[in-house]
């Protein structure tokens, strides 16, 4: 399995994504800096409307990848309903690691 990352929002989002990438690489997943990976991890924030607009725009453009969103996200029900590619929304790195580990083990 492979993954890519996108970051929008505050400095915490940028700091967290580096930790997330290292943890996931340690699990054996391959980081790719391109589109059309198995998973796209989006670190975002819903404090500012322009960031929310960027998030929704990005979600509308991703066609084949499964999406994981981390950050302070409001309107989770709306996102899950509108964007079927979104598989997880959380504010905890641990949730992402558990989710991906489960998916990785189910592919064996």
PDB file of N, CA and C in Angstrom:
ATOM      1  N   UNK A   1       0.841  -1.182   0.000  1.00  0.00           N
ATOM      2  CA  UNK A   1       0.000   0.000   0.000  1.00  0.00           C
ATOM      3  C   UNK A   1       0.882   1.238   0.000  1.00  0.00           C
ATOM      4  N   UNK A   2       0.353   2.290  -0.622  1.00  0.00           N
ATOM      5  CA  UNK A   2       1.101   3.546  -0.643  1.00  0.00           C
ATOM      6  C   UNK A   2       0.180   4.697  -0.258  1.00  0.00           C
ATOM      7  N   UNK A   3       0.794   5.818   0.028  1.00  0.00           N
ATOM      8  CA  UNK A   3       0.026   6.974   0.493  1.00  0.00           C
ATOM      9  C   UNK A   3       0.728   8.268   0.118  1.00  0.00           C
ATOM     10  N   UNK A   4      -0.057   9.334   0.097  1.00  0.00           N
ATOM     11  CA  UNK A   4       0.475  10.680  -0.089  1.00  0.00           C
ATOM     12  C   UNK A   4      -0.192  11.574   0.955  1.00  0.00           C
ATOM     13  N   UNK A   5       0.290  12.791   1.089  1.00  0.00           N
ATOM     14  CA  UNK A   5      -0.260  13.711   2.081  1.00  0.00           C
ATOM     15  C   UNK A   5      -0.522  15.082   1.469  1.00  0.00           C
ATOM     16  N   UNK A   6      -1.502  15.756   2.042  1.00  0.00           N
ATOM     17  CA  UNK A   6      -1.834  17.132   1.694  1.00  0.00           C
ATOM     18  C   UNK A   6      -2.070  17.857   3.013  1.00  0.00           C
ATOM     19  N   UNK A   7      -1.573  19.075   3.126  1.00  0.00           N
ATOM     20  CA  UNK A   7      -1.742  19.825   4.372  1.00  0.00           C
ATOM     21  C   UNK A   7      -2.329  21.195   4.085  1.00  0.00           C
ATOM     22  N   UNK A   8      -3.381  21.513   4.830  1.00  0.00           N
ATOM     23  CA  UNK A   8      -3.999  22.834   4.807  1.00  0.00           C
ATOM     24  C   UNK A   8      -4.142  23.287   6.251  1.00  0.00           C
ATOM     25  N   UNK A   9      -4.084  24.570   6.480  1.00  0.00           N
ATOM     26  CA  UNK A   9      -4.419  25.053   7.813  1.00  0.00           C
ATOM     27  C   UNK A   9      -3.255  25.591   8.596  1.00  0.00           C
ATOM     28  N   UNK A  10      -3.288  25.299   9.891  1.00  0.00           N
ATOM     29  CA  UNK A  10      -2.390  25.935  10.851  1.00  0.00           C
ATOM     30  C   UNK A  10      -1.054  25.202  10.982  1.00  0.00           C
ATOM     31  N   UNK A  11      -0.183  25.772  11.788  1.00  0.00           N
ATOM     32  CA  UNK A  11       1.157  25.190  11.982  1.00  0.00           C
ATOM     33  C   UNK A  11       1.088  23.823  12.644  1.00  0.00           C
ATOM     34  N   UNK A  12       0.069  23.573  13.432  1.00  0.00           N
ATOM     35  CA  UNK A  12      -0.078  22.249  14.048  1.00  0.00           C
ATOM     36  C   UNK A  12      -0.304  21.198  12.976  1.00  0.00           C
ATOM     37  N   UNK A  13      -1.091  21.530  11.959  1.00  0.00           N
ATOM     38  CA  UNK A  13      -1.311  20.594  10.859  1.00  0.00           C
ATOM     39  C   UNK A  13       0.001  20.235  10.169  1.00  0.00           C
ATOM     40  N   UNK A  14       0.830  21.221   9.927  1.00  0.00           N
ATOM     41  CA  UNK A  14       2.109  20.969   9.264  1.00  0.00           C
ATOM     42  C   UNK A  14       3.042  20.141  10.144  1.00  0.00           C
ATOM     43  N   UNK A  15       3.045  20.392  11.429  1.00  0.00           N
ATOM     44  CA  UNK A  15       3.894  19.623  12.344  1.00  0.00           C
ATOM     45  C   UNK A  15       3.404  18.187  12.466  1.00  0.00           C
ATOM     46  N   UNK A  16       2.101  18.001  12.559  1.00  0.00           N
ATOM     47  CA  UNK A  16       1.547  16.660  12.697  1.00  0.00           C
ATOM     48  C   UNK A  16       1.788  15.785  11.475  1.00  0.00           C
ATOM     49  N   UNK A  17       1.719  16.369  10.296  1.00  0.00           N
ATOM     50  CA  UNK A  17       1.836  15.548   9.089  1.00  0.00           C
ATOM     51  C   UNK A  17       3.212  14.907   8.999  1.00  0.00           C
ATOM     52  N   UNK A  18       4.249  15.589   9.458  1.00  0.00           N
ATOM     53  CA  UNK A  18       5.589  14.994   9.441  1.00  0.00           C
ATOM     54  C   UNK A  18       5.662  13.786  10.362  1.00  0.00           C
ATOM     55  N   UNK A  19       5.041  13.869  11.524  1.00  0.00           N
ATOM     56  CA  UNK A  19       4.991  12.733  12.448  1.00  0.00           C
ATOM     57  C   UNK A  19       4.219  11.573  11.830  1.00  0.00           C
ATOM     58  N   UNK A  20       3.101  11.904  11.214  1.00  0.00           N
ATOM     59  CA  UNK A  20       2.254  10.880  10.606  1.00  0.00           C
ATOM     60  C   UNK A  20       3.006  10.140   9.507  1.00  0.00           C
ATOM     61  N   UNK A  21       3.682  10.878   8.649  1.00  0.00           N
ATOM     62  CA  UNK A  21       4.441  10.254   7.554  1.00  0.00           C
ATOM     63  C   UNK A  21       5.469   9.273   8.110  1.00  0.00           C
ATOM     64  N   UNK A  22       6.215   9.669   9.105  1.00  0.00           N
ATOM     65  CA  UNK A  22       7.242   8.788   9.671  1.00  0.00           C
ATOM     66  C   UNK A  22       6.626   7.539  10.297  1.00  0.00           C
ATOM     67  N   UNK A  23       5.544   7.693  11.043  1.00  0.00           N
ATOM     68  CA  UNK A  23       4.885   6.536  11.659  1.00  0.00           C
ATOM     69  C   UNK A  23       4.384   5.560  10.600  1.00  0.00           C
ATOM     70  N   UNK A  24       3.778   6.086   9.555  1.00  0.00           N
ATOM     71  CA  UNK A  24       3.208   5.220   8.517  1.00  0.00           C
ATOM     72  C   UNK A  24       4.309   4.539   7.718  1.00  0.00           C
ATOM     73  N   UNK A  25       5.374   5.244   7.428  1.00  0.00           N
ATOM     74  CA  UNK A  25       6.505   4.611   6.738  1.00  0.00           C
ATOM     75  C   UNK A  25       7.086   3.486   7.588  1.00  0.00           C
ATOM     76  N   UNK A  26       7.130   3.674   8.902  1.00  0.00           N
ATOM     77  CA  UNK A  26       7.627   2.627   9.796  1.00  0.00           C
ATOM     78  C   UNK A  26       6.727   1.397   9.795  1.00  0.00           C
ATOM     79  N   UNK A  27       5.471   1.549   9.395  1.00  0.00           N
ATOM     80  CA  UNK A  27       4.550   0.425   9.280  1.00  0.00           C
ATOM     81  C   UNK A  27       4.769  -0.357   7.987  1.00  0.00           C
ATOM     82  N   UNK A  28       5.598   0.188   7.098  1.00  0.00           N
ATOM     83  CA  UNK A  28       5.882  -0.498   5.850  1.00  0.00           C
ATOM     84  C   UNK A  28       5.127   0.034   4.645  1.00  0.00           C
ATOM     85  N   UNK A  29       4.357   1.086   4.820  1.00  0.00           N
ATOM     86  CA  UNK A  29       3.684   1.689   3.680  1.00  0.00           C
ATOM     87  C   UNK A  29       4.651   2.608   2.956  1.00  0.00           C
ATOM     88  N   UNK A  30       4.409   2.811   1.681  1.00  0.00           N
ATOM     89  CA  UNK A  30       5.316   3.581   0.833  1.00  0.00           C
ATOM     90  C   UNK A  30       4.758   4.987   0.637  1.00  0.00           C
ATOM     91  N   UNK A  31       5.576   5.991   0.959  1.00  0.00           N
ATOM     92  CA  UNK A  31       5.197   7.385   0.765  1.00  0.00           C
ATOM     93  C   UNK A  31       5.500   7.787  -0.674  1.00  0.00           C
ATOM     94  N   UNK A  32       4.507   8.367  -1.331  1.00  0.00           N
ATOM     95  CA  UNK A  32       4.685   8.873  -2.691  1.00  0.00           C
ATOM     96  C   UNK A  32       4.181  10.300  -2.725  1.00  0.00           C
ATOM     97  N   UNK A  33       4.928  11.148  -3.356  1.00  0.00           N
ATOM     98  CA  UNK A  33       4.557  12.550  -3.451  1.00  0.00           C
ATOM     99  C   UNK A  33       3.850  12.792  -4.785  1.00  0.00           C
ATOM    100  N   UNK A  34       2.703  12.114  -4.961  1.00  0.00           N
ATOM    101  CA  UNK A  34       1.960  12.255  -6.207  1.00  0.00           C
ATOM    102  C   UNK A  34       0.498  11.888  -5.970  1.00  0.00           C
ATOM    103  N   UNK A  35      -0.298  12.071  -6.996  1.00  0.00           N
ATOM    104  CA  UNK A  35      -1.714  11.719  -6.933  1.00  0.00           C
ATOM    105  C   UNK A  35      -1.893  10.232  -7.208  1.00  0.00           C
ATOM    106  N   UNK A  36      -3.102   9.765  -7.015  1.00  0.00           N
ATOM    107  CA  UNK A  36      -3.493   8.389  -7.305  1.00  0.00           C
ATOM    108  C   UNK A  36      -2.732   7.363  -6.477  1.00  0.00           C
ATOM    109  N   UNK A  37      -2.601   7.628  -5.210  1.00  0.00           N
ATOM    110  CA  UNK A  37      -2.065   6.636  -4.286  1.00  0.00           C
ATOM    111  C   UNK A  37      -3.248   5.890  -3.666  1.00  0.00           C
ATOM    112  N   UNK A  38      -2.965   4.805  -2.957  1.00  0.00           N
ATOM    113  CA  UNK A  38      -4.039   4.059  -2.309  1.00  0.00           C
ATOM    114  C   UNK A  38      -4.784   4.939  -1.312  1.00  0.00           C
ATOM    115  N   UNK A  39      -4.018   5.701  -0.539  1.00  0.00           N
ATOM    116  CA  UNK A  39      -4.592   6.584   0.479  1.00  0.00           C
ATOM    117  C   UNK A  39      -3.990   7.975   0.360  1.00  0.00           C
ATOM    118  N   UNK A  40      -4.839   8.983   0.539  1.00  0.00           N
ATOM    119  CA  UNK A  40      -4.377  10.361   0.656  1.00  0.00           C
ATOM    120  C   UNK A  40      -4.753  10.810   2.062  1.00  0.00           C
ATOM    121  N   UNK A  41      -3.770  11.255   2.805  1.00  0.00           N
ATOM    122  CA  UNK A  41      -4.001  11.740   4.162  1.00  0.00           C
ATOM    123  C   UNK A  41      -3.981  13.260   4.106  1.00  0.00           C
ATOM    124  N   UNK A  42      -5.090  13.851   4.492  1.00  0.00           N
ATOM    125  CA  UNK A  42      -5.219  15.302   4.465  1.00  0.00           C
ATOM    126  C   UNK A  42      -5.235  15.811   5.896  1.00  0.00           C
ATOM    127  N   UNK A  43      -4.269  16.645   6.212  1.00  0.00           N
ATOM    128  CA  UNK A  43      -4.221  17.307   7.512  1.00  0.00           C
ATOM    129  C   UNK A  43      -4.805  18.692   7.323  1.00  0.00           C
ATOM    130  N   UNK A  44      -5.928  18.957   7.997  1.00  0.00           N
ATOM    131  CA  UNK A  44      -6.636  20.198   7.751  1.00  0.00           C
ATOM    132  C   UNK A  44      -7.264  20.742   9.022  1.00  0.00           C
ATOM    133  N   UNK A  45      -7.928  21.853   8.876  1.00  0.00           N
ATOM    134  CA  UNK A  45      -8.504  22.575   9.994  1.00  0.00           C
ATOM    135  C   UNK A  45      -9.768  23.261   9.492  1.00  0.00           C
ATOM    136  N   UNK A  46     -10.770  23.368  10.340  1.00  0.00           N
ATOM    137  CA  UNK A  46     -12.009  24.020   9.893  1.00  0.00           C
ATOM    138  C   UNK A  46     -12.229  25.363  10.584  1.00  0.00           C
ATOM    139  N   UNK A  47     -11.170  25.979  11.030  1.00  0.00           N
ATOM    140  CA  UNK A  47     -11.302  27.264  11.700  1.00  0.00           C
ATOM    141  C   UNK A  47     -11.548  28.387  10.691  1.00  0.00           C
ATOM    142  N   UNK A  48     -10.890  28.326   9.548  1.00  0.00           N
ATOM    143  CA  UNK A  48     -11.023  29.379   8.540  1.00  0.00           C
ATOM    144  C   UNK A  48     -11.770  28.854   7.318  1.00  0.00           C
ATOM    145  N   UNK A  49     -12.673  29.663   6.811  1.00  0.00           N
ATOM    146  CA  UNK A  49     -13.504  29.241   5.687  1.00  0.00           C
ATOM    147  C   UNK A  49     -12.686  28.951   4.435  1.00  0.00           C
ATOM    148  N   UNK A  50     -11.618  29.711   4.183  1.00  0.00           N
ATOM    149  CA  UNK A  50     -10.829  29.453   2.975  1.00  0.00           C
ATOM    150  C   UNK A  50     -10.156  28.077   3.029  1.00  0.00           C
ATOM    151  N   UNK A  51      -9.809  27.613   4.211  1.00  0.00           N
ATOM    152  CA  UNK A  51      -9.225  26.269   4.351  1.00  0.00           C
ATOM    153  C   UNK A  51     -10.297  25.211   4.104  1.00  0.00           C
ATOM    154  N   UNK A  52     -11.485  25.434   4.601  1.00  0.00           N
ATOM    155  CA  UNK A  52     -12.592  24.509   4.360  1.00  0.00           C
ATOM    156  C   UNK A  52     -12.875  24.426   2.861  1.00  0.00           C
ATOM    157  N   UNK A  53     -12.875  25.563   2.184  1.00  0.00           N
ATOM    158  CA  UNK A  53     -13.100  25.576   0.740  1.00  0.00           C
ATOM    159  C   UNK A  53     -12.029  24.782   0.004  1.00  0.00           C
ATOM    160  N   UNK A  54     -10.770  24.933   0.410  1.00  0.00           N
ATOM    161  CA  UNK A  54      -9.677  24.166  -0.205  1.00  0.00           C
ATOM    162  C   UNK A  54      -9.867  22.670   0.026  1.00  0.00           C
ATOM    163  N   UNK A  55     -10.269  22.309   1.244  1.00  0.00           N
ATOM    164  CA  UNK A  55     -10.500  20.901   1.570  1.00  0.00           C
ATOM    165  C   UNK A  55     -11.599  20.321   0.691  1.00  0.00           C
ATOM    166  N   UNK A  56     -12.737  20.996   0.604  1.00  0.00           N
ATOM    167  CA  UNK A  56     -13.844  20.492  -0.215  1.00  0.00           C
ATOM    168  C   UNK A  56     -13.451  20.406  -1.688  1.00  0.00           C
ATOM    169  N   UNK A  57     -12.706  21.377  -2.157  1.00  0.00           N
ATOM    170  CA  UNK A  57     -12.240  21.356  -3.544  1.00  0.00           C
ATOM    171  C   UNK A  57     -11.338  20.143  -3.793  1.00  0.00           C
ATOM    172  N   UNK A  58     -10.417  19.910  -2.887  1.00  0.00           N
ATOM    173  CA  UNK A  58      -9.506  18.763  -3.023  1.00  0.00           C
ATOM    174  C   UNK A  58     -10.277  17.452  -2.993  1.00  0.00           C
ATOM    175  N   UNK A  59     -11.222  17.338  -2.072  1.00  0.00           N
ATOM    176  CA  UNK A  59     -12.018  16.112  -1.973  1.00  0.00           C
ATOM    177  C   UNK A  59     -12.786  15.850  -3.265  1.00  0.00           C
ATOM    178  N   UNK A  60     -13.259  16.906  -3.916  1.00  0.00           N
ATOM    179  CA  UNK A  60     -13.982  16.757  -5.175  1.00  0.00           C
ATOM    180  C   UNK A  60     -13.110  16.338  -6.334  1.00  0.00           C
ATOM    181  N   UNK A  61     -11.807  16.569  -6.232  1.00  0.00           N
ATOM    182  CA  UNK A  61     -10.882  16.235  -7.322  1.00  0.00           C
ATOM    183  C   UNK A  61     -10.278  14.842  -7.206  1.00  0.00           C
ATOM    184  N   UNK A  62     -10.269  14.270  -6.022  1.00  0.00           N
ATOM    185  CA  UNK A  62      -9.656  12.960  -5.824  1.00  0.00           C
ATOM    186  C   UNK A  62     -10.642  11.898  -6.263  1.00  0.00           C
ATOM    187  N   UNK A  63     -10.224  11.075  -7.197  1.00  0.00           N
ATOM    188  CA  UNK A  63     -11.145  10.112  -7.791  1.00  0.00           C
ATOM    189  C   UNK A  63     -10.896   8.674  -7.346  1.00  0.00           C
ATOM    190  N   UNK A  64      -9.653   8.252  -7.270  1.00  0.00           N
ATOM    191  CA  UNK A  64      -9.368   6.835  -7.054  1.00  0.00           C
ATOM    192  C   UNK A  64      -8.855   6.497  -5.664  1.00  0.00           C
ATOM    193  N   UNK A  65      -8.322   7.442  -4.974  1.00  0.00           N
ATOM    194  CA  UNK A  65      -7.723   7.181  -3.661  1.00  0.00           C
ATOM    195  C   UNK A  65      -8.783   7.191  -2.573  1.00  0.00           C
ATOM    196  N   UNK A  66      -8.458   6.530  -1.478  1.00  0.00           N
ATOM    197  CA  UNK A  66      -9.268   6.598  -0.278  1.00  0.00           C
ATOM    198  C   UNK A  66      -8.695   7.726   0.587  1.00  0.00           C
ATOM    199  N   UNK A  67      -9.562   8.464   1.240  1.00  0.00           N
ATOM    200  CA  UNK A  67      -9.137   9.664   1.956  1.00  0.00           C
ATOM    201  C   UNK A  67      -9.231   9.469   3.464  1.00  0.00           C
ATOM    202  N   UNK A  68      -8.197   9.931   4.148  1.00  0.00           N
ATOM    203  CA  UNK A  68      -8.181  10.025   5.602  1.00  0.00           C
ATOM    204  C   UNK A  68      -7.949  11.492   5.933  1.00  0.00           C
ATOM    205  N   UNK A  69      -8.783  12.050   6.796  1.00  0.00           N
ATOM    206  CA  UNK A  69      -8.642  13.454   7.180  1.00  0.00           C
ATOM    207  C   UNK A  69      -8.320  13.513   8.667  1.00  0.00           C
ATOM    208  N   UNK A  70      -7.291  14.282   9.002  1.00  0.00           N
ATOM    209  CA  UNK A  70      -6.946  14.510  10.401  1.00  0.00           C
ATOM    210  C   UNK A  70      -6.954  16.012  10.662  1.00  0.00           C
ATOM    211  N   UNK A  71      -7.458  16.387  11.831  1.00  0.00           N
ATOM    212  CA  UNK A  71      -7.479  17.788  12.217  1.00  0.00           C
ATOM    213  C   UNK A  71      -8.778  18.142  12.895  1.00  0.00           C
ATOM    214  N   UNK A  72      -8.946  19.398  13.165  1.00  0.00           N
ATOM    215  CA  UNK A  72     -10.164  19.878  13.832  1.00  0.00           C
ATOM    216  C   UNK A  72     -11.220  20.133  12.764  1.00  0.00           C
ATOM    217  N   UNK A  73     -11.914  19.079  12.411  1.00  0.00           N
ATOM    218  CA  UNK A  73     -12.873  19.132  11.312  1.00  0.00           C
ATOM    219  C   UNK A  73     -14.300  19.125  11.848  1.00  0.00           C
ATOM    220  N   UNK A  74     -15.062  20.110  11.417  1.00  0.00           N
ATOM    221  CA  UNK A  74     -16.490  20.138  11.735  1.00  0.00           C
ATOM    222  C   UNK A  74     -17.237  19.595  10.515  1.00  0.00           C
ATOM    223  N   UNK A  75     -18.490  19.404  10.643  1.00  0.00           N
ATOM    224  CA  UNK A  75     -19.336  18.918   9.544  1.00  0.00           C
ATOM    225  C   UNK A  75     -18.918  17.538   9.048  1.00  0.00           C
ATOM    226  N   UNK A  76     -18.523  16.668   9.963  1.00  0.00           N
ATOM    227  CA  UNK A  76     -18.086  15.327   9.586  1.00  0.00           C
ATOM    228  C   UNK A  76     -19.169  14.552   8.850  1.00  0.00           C
ATOM    229  N   UNK A  77     -20.397  14.624   9.344  1.00  0.00           N
ATOM    230  CA  UNK A  77     -21.498  13.897   8.694  1.00  0.00           C
ATOM    231  C   UNK A  77     -21.665  14.356   7.255  1.00  0.00           C
ATOM    232  N   UNK A  78     -21.576  15.647   7.020  1.00  0.00           N
ATOM    233  CA  UNK A  78     -21.684  16.198   5.662  1.00  0.00           C
ATOM    234  C   UNK A  78     -20.563  15.655   4.773  1.00  0.00           C
ATOM    235  N   UNK A  79     -19.359  15.649   5.284  1.00  0.00           N
ATOM    236  CA  UNK A  79     -18.219  15.177   4.490  1.00  0.00           C
ATOM    237  C   UNK A  79     -18.389  13.702   4.146  1.00  0.00           C
ATOM    238  N   UNK A  80     -18.728  12.874   5.123  1.00  0.00           N
ATOM    239  CA  UNK A  80     -18.927  11.448   4.850  1.00  0.00           C
ATOM    240  C   UNK A  80     -20.043  11.221   3.817  1.00  0.00           C
ATOM    241  N   UNK A  81     -21.098  11.995   3.923  1.00  0.00           N
ATOM    242  CA  UNK A  81     -22.235  11.823   3.020  1.00  0.00           C
ATOM    243  C   UNK A  81     -21.915  12.294   1.602  1.00  0.00           C
ATOM    244  N   UNK A  82     -21.247  13.429   1.493  1.00  0.00           N
ATOM    245  CA  UNK A  82     -20.987  14.021   0.175  1.00  0.00           C
ATOM    246  C   UNK A  82     -19.798  13.394  -0.541  1.00  0.00           C
ATOM    247  N   UNK A  83     -18.773  13.002   0.201  1.00  0.00           N
ATOM    248  CA  UNK A  83     -17.543  12.497  -0.407  1.00  0.00           C
ATOM    249  C   UNK A  83     -17.343  11.041   0.014  1.00  0.00           C
ATOM    250  N   UNK A  84     -17.797  10.126  -0.801  1.00  0.00           N
ATOM    251  CA  UNK A  84     -17.745   8.693  -0.464  1.00  0.00           C
ATOM    252  C   UNK A  84     -16.317   8.166  -0.382  1.00  0.00           C
ATOM    253  N   UNK A  85     -15.367   8.901  -0.925  1.00  0.00           N
ATOM    254  CA  UNK A  85     -13.963   8.483  -0.874  1.00  0.00           C
ATOM    255  C   UNK A  85     -13.366   8.660   0.524  1.00  0.00           C
ATOM    256  N   UNK A  86     -14.022   9.434   1.387  1.00  0.00           N
ATOM    257  CA  UNK A  86     -13.512   9.673   2.743  1.00  0.00           C
ATOM    258  C   UNK A  86     -13.827   8.460   3.612  1.00  0.00           C
ATOM    259  N   UNK A  87     -12.780   7.846   4.131  1.00  0.00           N
ATOM    260  CA  UNK A  87     -12.918   6.625   4.922  1.00  0.00           C
ATOM    261  C   UNK A  87     -12.740   6.862   6.415  1.00  0.00           C
ATOM    262  N   UNK A  88     -12.053   7.940   6.796  1.00  0.00           N
ATOM    263  CA  UNK A  88     -11.813   8.223   8.207  1.00  0.00           C
ATOM    264  C   UNK A  88     -11.608   9.714   8.401  1.00  0.00           C
ATOM    265  N   UNK A  89     -12.253  10.259   9.431  1.00  0.00           N
ATOM    266  CA  UNK A  89     -12.005  11.630   9.880  1.00  0.00           C
ATOM    267  C   UNK A  89     -11.709  11.539  11.367  1.00  0.00           C
ATOM    268  N   UNK A  90     -10.573  12.067  11.773  1.00  0.00           N
ATOM    269  CA  UNK A  90     -10.154  11.959  13.166  1.00  0.00           C
ATOM    270  C   UNK A  90      -9.294  13.154  13.544  1.00  0.00           C
ATOM    271  N   UNK A  91      -9.041  13.286  14.828  1.00  0.00           N
ATOM    272  CA  UNK A  91      -8.067  14.281  15.281  1.00  0.00           C
ATOM    273  C   UNK A  91      -6.937  13.600  16.043  1.00  0.00           C
ATOM    274  N   UNK A  92      -6.828  12.280  15.887  1.00  0.00           N
ATOM    275  CA  UNK A  92      -5.797  11.517  16.598  1.00  0.00           C
ATOM    276  C   UNK A  92      -4.941  10.716  15.618  1.00  0.00           C
ATOM    277  N   UNK A  93      -3.639  10.885  15.728  1.00  0.00           N
ATOM    278  CA  UNK A  93      -2.711  10.137  14.884  1.00  0.00           C
ATOM    279  C   UNK A  93      -2.896   8.643  15.095  1.00  0.00           C
ATOM    280  N   UNK A  94      -3.116   8.249  16.328  1.00  0.00           N
ATOM    281  CA  UNK A  94      -3.281   6.828  16.663  1.00  0.00           C
ATOM    282  C   UNK A  94      -4.413   6.182  15.855  1.00  0.00           C
ATOM    283  N   UNK A  95      -5.506   6.903  15.650  1.00  0.00           N
ATOM    284  CA  UNK A  95      -6.627   6.374  14.873  1.00  0.00           C
ATOM    285  C   UNK A  95      -6.209   6.055  13.438  1.00  0.00           C
ATOM    286  N   UNK A  96      -5.399   6.921  12.859  1.00  0.00           N
ATOM    287  CA  UNK A  96      -4.921   6.687  11.495  1.00  0.00           C
ATOM    288  C   UNK A  96      -4.054   5.437  11.446  1.00  0.00           C
ATOM    289  N   UNK A  97      -3.147   5.308  12.410  1.00  0.00           N
ATOM    290  CA  UNK A  97      -2.247   4.158  12.429  1.00  0.00           C
ATOM    291  C   UNK A  97      -3.027   2.854  12.603  1.00  0.00           C
ATOM    292  N   UNK A  98      -4.006   2.848  13.493  1.00  0.00           N
ATOM    293  CA  UNK A  98      -4.827   1.647  13.686  1.00  0.00           C
ATOM    294  C   UNK A  98      -5.629   1.316  12.429  1.00  0.00           C
ATOM    295  N   UNK A  99      -6.212   2.320  11.810  1.00  0.00           N
ATOM    296  CA  UNK A  99      -6.995   2.128  10.595  1.00  0.00           C
ATOM    297  C   UNK A  99      -6.138   1.545   9.477  1.00  0.00           C
ATOM    298  N   UNK A 100      -4.977   2.150   9.235  1.00  0.00           N
ATOM    299  CA  UNK A 100      -4.109   1.678   8.155  1.00  0.00           C
ATOM    300  C   UNK A 100      -3.530   0.299   8.458  1.00  0.00           C
ATOM    301  N   UNK A 101      -3.223   0.035   9.708  1.00  0.00           N
ATOM    302  CA  UNK A 101      -2.712  -1.276  10.074  1.00  0.00           C
ATOM    303  C   UNK A 101      -3.768  -2.356   9.805  1.00  0.00           C
ATOM    304  N   UNK A 102      -5.010  -2.053  10.124  1.00  0.00           N
ATOM    305  CA  UNK A 102      -6.105  -2.987   9.856  1.00  0.00           C
ATOM    306  C   UNK A 102      -6.239  -3.246   8.355  1.00  0.00           C
ATOM    307  N   UNK A 103      -6.179  -2.192   7.564  1.00  0.00           N
ATOM    308  CA  UNK A 103      -6.287  -2.325   6.102  1.00  0.00           C
ATOM    309  C   UNK A 103      -5.107  -3.088   5.534  1.00  0.00           C
ATOM    310  N   UNK A 104      -3.929  -2.804   6.050  1.00  0.00           N
ATOM    311  CA  UNK A 104      -2.713  -3.488   5.591  1.00  0.00           C
ATOM    312  C   UNK A 104      -2.810  -4.989   5.885  1.00  0.00           C
ATOM    313  N   UNK A 105      -3.248  -5.333   7.086  1.00  0.00           N
ATOM    314  CA  UNK A 105      -3.353  -6.731   7.470  1.00  0.00           C
ATOM    315  C   UNK A 105      -4.461  -7.457   6.717  1.00  0.00           C
ATOM    316  N   UNK A 106      -5.500  -6.750   6.304  1.00  0.00           N
ATOM    317  CA  UNK A 106      -6.588  -7.397   5.564  1.00  0.00           C
ATOM    318  C   UNK A 106      -6.197  -7.681   4.127  1.00  0.00           C
ATOM    319  N   UNK A 107      -5.128  -7.040   3.632  1.00  0.00           N
ATOM    320  CA  UNK A 107      -4.647  -7.277   2.265  1.00  0.00           C
ATOM    321  C   UNK A 107      -3.706  -8.457   2.163  1.00  0.00           C
ATOM    322  N   UNK A 108      -3.337  -9.040   3.291  1.00  0.00           N
ATOM    323  CA  UNK A 108      -2.375 -10.154   3.288  1.00  0.00           C
ATOM    324  C   UNK A 108      -3.047 -11.421   2.848  1.00  0.00           C
TER     325      UNK A 108
END
